[in-house]
Every structure is written in structure tokens, then in C-alpha cells.
Amino acid sequence: MFKIEVEDDKGIWSDIYADDGKLLTFEREEEARAALAERYPVLVKMEQYAGGKRTRVIRILEDEDDWPKR
């Protein structure tokens, strides 16, 4: 699973949520990158020419707390 994040002017990273209020997640990294470019085209394009990152795709790792109890 992957999620997307955007950095604000103060350097704070925020998760992106869907219209229904749930965390926006993707099965494949390519899907996450495409959604990021669709939602924030200017920021994504700027990163190619200017220094610094303002957007990112994060892999969501599961830990034992996420597994069902047996």
C-alpha cells in the first residue's frame, strides 16, 4: 500500500485524504504517483526544475498491530 503527502510552507508534511475523509491509499506506487501529479501538477512539475521536494509517495508498512488477532 502507498499514500501521498504534501509539504506546506512551514515544512510540515500532511497526508492526503479522499473526499469521504478516509486516507487516500493506493495498491501500486505508479497509481499513487499518477494521483499525486493529478492533484498537485504544479508542485510535481516544479520539483523537476527547482531544488527541494514538496510532494512524496510513502510506502505503508504493516506491523504486527495491523494483523488480525488469532
N, C-alpha and C. Protein backbone atom coordinates (compact mmCIF):
# COMPACT_ATOMS: atom_id res chain seq x y z
N MET A 1 0.84 -1.18 0.00
CA MET A 1 0.00 0.00 0.00
C MET A 1 0.89 1.25 0.00
N PHE A 2 0.36 2.31 -0.62
CA PHE A 2 1.08 3.57 -0.70
C PHE A 2 0.13 4.71 -0.37
N LYS A 3 0.69 5.81 0.13
CA LYS A 3 -0.07 7.02 0.37
C LYS A 3 0.72 8.20 -0.18
N ILE A 4 0.07 9.35 -0.32
CA ILE A 4 0.75 10.53 -0.81
C ILE A 4 0.72 11.62 0.26
N GLU A 5 1.77 12.45 0.26
CA GLU A 5 1.88 13.53 1.22
C GLU A 5 2.36 14.79 0.51
N VAL A 6 2.00 15.94 1.11
CA VAL A 6 2.42 17.24 0.59
C VAL A 6 2.97 18.06 1.75
N GLU A 7 4.04 18.80 1.47
CA GLU A 7 4.66 19.64 2.48
C GLU A 7 4.12 21.07 2.37
N ASP A 8 3.78 21.67 3.51
CA ASP A 8 3.30 23.05 3.50
C ASP A 8 4.48 24.03 3.58
N ASP A 9 4.19 25.32 3.61
CA ASP A 9 5.23 26.35 3.63
C ASP A 9 6.07 26.35 4.90
N LYS A 10 5.59 25.70 5.95
CA LYS A 10 6.32 25.64 7.22
C LYS A 10 7.13 24.36 7.37
N GLY A 11 7.14 23.54 6.34
CA GLY A 11 7.91 22.30 6.38
C GLY A 11 7.20 21.13 7.02
N ILE A 12 5.89 21.21 7.16
CA ILE A 12 5.11 20.14 7.79
C ILE A 12 4.46 19.29 6.70
N TRP A 13 4.70 17.98 6.77
CA TRP A 13 4.13 17.04 5.80
C TRP A 13 2.74 16.61 6.26
N SER A 14 1.80 16.54 5.31
CA SER A 14 0.43 16.14 5.60
C SER A 14 -0.01 15.05 4.65
N ASP A 15 -0.73 14.06 5.20
CA ASP A 15 -1.34 13.02 4.37
C ASP A 15 -2.47 13.64 3.55
N ILE A 16 -2.77 13.00 2.42
CA ILE A 16 -3.87 13.44 1.57
C ILE A 16 -5.05 12.49 1.79
N TYR A 17 -6.21 13.09 1.99
CA TYR A 17 -7.42 12.32 2.27
C TYR A 17 -8.40 12.44 1.11
N ALA A 18 -9.19 11.40 0.91
CA ALA A 18 -10.22 11.38 -0.13
C ALA A 18 -11.39 12.26 0.30
N ASP A 19 -12.31 12.50 -0.61
CA ASP A 19 -13.48 13.33 -0.32
C ASP A 19 -14.32 12.78 0.82
N ASP A 20 -14.27 11.46 1.05
CA ASP A 20 -15.06 10.86 2.13
C ASP A 20 -14.36 10.94 3.49
N GLY A 21 -13.17 11.57 3.53
CA GLY A 21 -12.45 11.75 4.79
C GLY A 21 -11.50 10.62 5.14
N LYS A 22 -11.44 9.59 4.32
CA LYS A 22 -10.54 8.46 4.58
C LYS A 22 -9.19 8.73 3.93
N LEU A 23 -8.13 8.18 4.54
CA LEU A 23 -6.79 8.31 3.99
C LEU A 23 -6.77 7.76 2.57
N LEU A 24 -6.23 8.53 1.66
CA LEU A 24 -6.14 8.11 0.27
C LEU A 24 -4.98 7.14 0.13
N THR A 25 -5.27 5.89 -0.24
CA THR A 25 -4.24 4.86 -0.37
C THR A 25 -4.34 4.22 -1.75
N PHE A 26 -3.23 3.61 -2.15
CA PHE A 26 -3.13 3.00 -3.48
C PHE A 26 -2.42 1.66 -3.36
N GLU A 27 -2.80 0.73 -4.21
CA GLU A 27 -2.18 -0.60 -4.22
C GLU A 27 -0.79 -0.55 -4.85
N ARG A 28 -0.62 0.28 -5.88
CA ARG A 28 0.65 0.33 -6.60
C ARG A 28 1.25 1.73 -6.55
N GLU A 29 2.57 1.78 -6.54
CA GLU A 29 3.28 3.06 -6.49
C GLU A 29 2.96 3.93 -7.70
N GLU A 30 2.82 3.31 -8.86
CA GLU A 30 2.52 4.07 -10.08
C GLU A 30 1.18 4.79 -9.96
N GLU A 31 0.20 4.13 -9.36
CA GLU A 31 -1.12 4.75 -9.15
C GLU A 31 -1.00 5.95 -8.22
N ALA A 32 -0.21 5.81 -7.17
CA ALA A 32 -0.02 6.90 -6.21
C ALA A 32 0.66 8.09 -6.87
N ARG A 33 1.69 7.83 -7.68
CA ARG A 33 2.39 8.92 -8.37
C ARG A 33 1.48 9.63 -9.37
N ALA A 34 0.65 8.87 -10.07
CA ALA A 34 -0.28 9.48 -11.02
C ALA A 34 -1.31 10.35 -10.29
N ALA A 35 -1.82 9.88 -9.16
CA ALA A 35 -2.79 10.66 -8.39
C ALA A 35 -2.14 11.92 -7.83
N LEU A 36 -0.90 11.82 -7.41
CA LEU A 36 -0.17 12.97 -6.90
C LEU A 36 -0.01 14.02 -7.99
N ALA A 37 0.39 13.60 -9.18
CA ALA A 37 0.55 14.53 -10.31
C ALA A 37 -0.78 15.14 -10.73
N GLU A 38 -1.86 14.39 -10.59
CA GLU A 38 -3.19 14.90 -10.95
C GLU A 38 -3.68 15.94 -9.95
N ARG A 39 -3.44 15.70 -8.67
CA ARG A 39 -3.91 16.61 -7.63
C ARG A 39 -3.02 17.83 -7.44
N TYR A 40 -1.72 17.67 -7.65
CA TYR A 40 -0.75 18.75 -7.42
C TYR A 40 0.19 18.88 -8.61
N PRO A 41 -0.33 19.19 -9.80
CA PRO A 41 0.51 19.20 -11.00
C PRO A 41 1.64 20.23 -10.95
N VAL A 42 1.37 21.40 -10.40
CA VAL A 42 2.38 22.45 -10.35
C VAL A 42 3.54 22.05 -9.44
N LEU A 43 3.22 21.55 -8.25
CA LEU A 43 4.27 21.15 -7.31
C LEU A 43 5.12 20.01 -7.87
N VAL A 44 4.48 19.04 -8.48
CA VAL A 44 5.20 17.89 -9.03
C VAL A 44 6.11 18.35 -10.16
N LYS A 45 5.61 19.21 -11.03
CA LYS A 45 6.42 19.69 -12.15
C LYS A 45 7.57 20.57 -11.67
N MET A 46 7.32 21.40 -10.65
CA MET A 46 8.36 22.28 -10.11
C MET A 46 9.55 21.49 -9.59
N GLU A 47 9.30 20.33 -9.03
CA GLU A 47 10.36 19.51 -8.44
C GLU A 47 11.38 19.07 -9.49
N GLN A 48 10.98 19.03 -10.75
CA GLN A 48 11.90 18.64 -11.81
C GLN A 48 12.91 19.75 -12.09
N TYR A 49 12.54 20.99 -11.82
CA TYR A 49 13.37 22.13 -12.19
C TYR A 49 13.97 22.88 -11.01
N ALA A 50 13.33 22.85 -9.88
CA ALA A 50 13.80 23.59 -8.70
C ALA A 50 14.27 22.59 -7.64
N GLY A 51 15.10 23.04 -6.75
CA GLY A 51 15.58 22.19 -5.67
C GLY A 51 14.50 21.95 -4.63
N GLY A 52 14.60 20.83 -3.98
CA GLY A 52 13.65 20.53 -2.90
C GLY A 52 12.44 19.76 -3.35
N LYS A 53 11.89 19.02 -2.42
CA LYS A 53 10.68 18.23 -2.66
C LYS A 53 9.55 18.80 -1.84
N ARG A 54 8.37 18.89 -2.42
CA ARG A 54 7.17 19.33 -1.71
C ARG A 54 6.09 18.26 -1.72
N THR A 55 6.33 17.19 -2.48
CA THR A 55 5.39 16.08 -2.56
C THR A 55 6.17 14.78 -2.42
N ARG A 56 5.47 13.73 -1.95
CA ARG A 56 6.13 12.43 -1.88
C ARG A 56 5.11 11.31 -1.82
N VAL A 57 5.58 10.14 -2.22
CA VAL A 57 4.81 8.90 -2.14
C VAL A 57 5.47 8.06 -1.06
N ILE A 58 4.68 7.57 -0.13
CA ILE A 58 5.18 6.81 1.01
C ILE A 58 4.60 5.39 0.98
N ARG A 59 5.48 4.42 1.18
CA ARG A 59 5.01 3.02 1.31
C ARG A 59 4.48 2.83 2.72
N ILE A 60 3.30 2.27 2.84
CA ILE A 60 2.70 1.98 4.14
C ILE A 60 3.09 0.56 4.52
N LEU A 61 3.85 0.44 5.58
CA LEU A 61 4.28 -0.87 6.05
C LEU A 61 3.34 -1.34 7.15
N GLU A 62 2.97 -2.58 7.08
CA GLU A 62 2.13 -3.16 8.12
C GLU A 62 3.02 -3.67 9.24
N ASP A 63 2.55 -3.55 10.46
CA ASP A 63 3.26 -4.16 11.58
C ASP A 63 2.32 -5.13 12.28
N GLU A 64 2.82 -5.76 13.32
CA GLU A 64 2.01 -6.81 13.98
C GLU A 64 0.72 -6.26 14.57
N ASP A 65 0.64 -4.97 14.87
CA ASP A 65 -0.59 -4.37 15.40
C ASP A 65 -1.68 -4.32 14.34
N ASP A 66 -1.30 -4.36 13.06
CA ASP A 66 -2.27 -4.32 11.96
C ASP A 66 -2.85 -5.69 11.64
N TRP A 67 -2.20 -6.76 12.11
CA TRP A 67 -2.64 -8.10 11.79
C TRP A 67 -3.86 -8.47 12.65
N PRO A 68 -4.74 -9.30 12.10
CA PRO A 68 -5.90 -9.76 12.89
C PRO A 68 -5.45 -10.60 14.08
N LYS A 69 -6.16 -10.49 15.15
CA LYS A 69 -5.86 -11.28 16.36
C LYS A 69 -6.31 -12.72 16.12
N ARG A 70 -5.53 -13.66 16.64
CA ARG A 70 -5.88 -15.09 16.48
C ARG A 70 -6.26 -15.67 17.80
